[in-house]
Structures are given as C-alpha cells and as structure tokens.
Amino acid sequence: MSTNGKRLFIARHGETVFNSVARMQGQQAVHTPLTRTGFLQADAMGRALAPWFEGQSVPTLWSSTAGRALQTLAIVAEHVGADWHQTRADDRLQEIDVGDWSERTYADIHAEIGPFVDPDVGLFTVRPPNGEWYDEIAHRLSDWLAEATAEPGDAIVLMHGISARVLRGVLLGLPVDPMFGAPIAPSLPQGSMVMIRDGKEEIVTLGEGALERA
C-alpha cells in the first residue's frame, strides 16, 4: 500500500504491569502503567530511532488513546525532539477489543475454555465474547490510514501488539489470512520498531521482550 512517500515508524508500547503477568488489557478503561522493563524498551526504541531523524523535519506523533501507548511515546518523542503535547491520540489505533476477557489472565481463560491462542502465530483462534475480530481491526485501521497518509511528512505511530500486526499487514499488501479474515504481518518482540514506506518494511530496532499480549 502506498504511503505517499512518507515514512511510518510503527511501534508497540513498552511492557506494562498487565503484560508482565499475562493479563488481558485490550481496550479496557484501566490505564495500565509501564514496568521498569517497559521504560527501558521505550528508551531503547527512542535511541534507535534518533539517527533516522538527524537533519530531518520533526515527525507527526500518532498514538492509541491507551495510557500505555501515550506513556511510551512520551519517552520515544524526547529522542527526536518532538513535542508529546502535539500527539494525535486516536481510538482507531487501539488494541483488539477483548470484550469480556478484559483484565482476566490468559491462564484463567485457558482453564475455562481450553486453548484459544494459536501457538504458531500468537493470535486468538476464538473471538472474544463481546469483543472484535481481525477484520474489524483492519477496517478501522484502513480508515485511519486514508487520513494519515494524505498528510505530508513522516510519522511515529505508537500502538499495540496485535493491532500493529494488522496495520503492517495492510501496509505491506499481505494477503488476507482465511483463518483471521485480515492481512497479518509476522510477530515482532516487544520493544521493536519498524519503518514502512510505500509497501516496504525496514527494521529500526528489534526488542528482546515478549510477543503479543493483548
């Protein structure tokens, strides 16, 4: 997919207190804070990103409205001289809505309904009760992309593990996965950031954190 020549730097928020104990976050109202590891991941992403903007214009800042994403972006933005207060927080960048699973642990849900995560791809194989599915994520992100890519200049996009995989899948023009109903890019460790421009992806930094936890 064309980004009109602009660079989109896409990252997942740093580890939170819920991530550290494998508890679902999704879109629930509780703004789970970063752990010390999460702060280190955010700082590492910012340091890796800084050389990409030497002598360049300050990027537009986009973020999910979740506190964990905004908190991570505050640290990343310092490294490129961007003003966090100018962040454009958007619900369309939120994580998958896990509905009734919100704030429950993965272990508790597994004990109740059995296996519900594909171990090979790290995605739900069961739709969260009163939650959403991957095609719905792709729809809201495609709507956001139409707006974001129409504007000039590069952008930093701070979001979440699962929703970022869908966004990358859309941008890279990957085929729709028949099991999940959306194009989904390969998983990257927490603390990773990529740059996508006009259908091509480059790694800014690969983190050493865990894989997806919604």
Foldseek 3Di string as FASTA:
>chain_A
DALVQAKEKEAEQFAFPCNVQQAAAFPDPDQTEHDPRRQVLLLVLLQLCLVVDVVHDQAAEEEAPRNRQLVSVVNSSVSNVDDSVRYDHDNLQEGWHLPPRHGPHPVVVCVVPNDQADPVQGHGLDRRVVTDALLVSLVSLVVVSVVNSVDDYYYYYYHFQFSSQQNLQVQLVADQDPSRRGRGHGWAAHSWIWMGHNNDIDTSDGDDHHTHRD
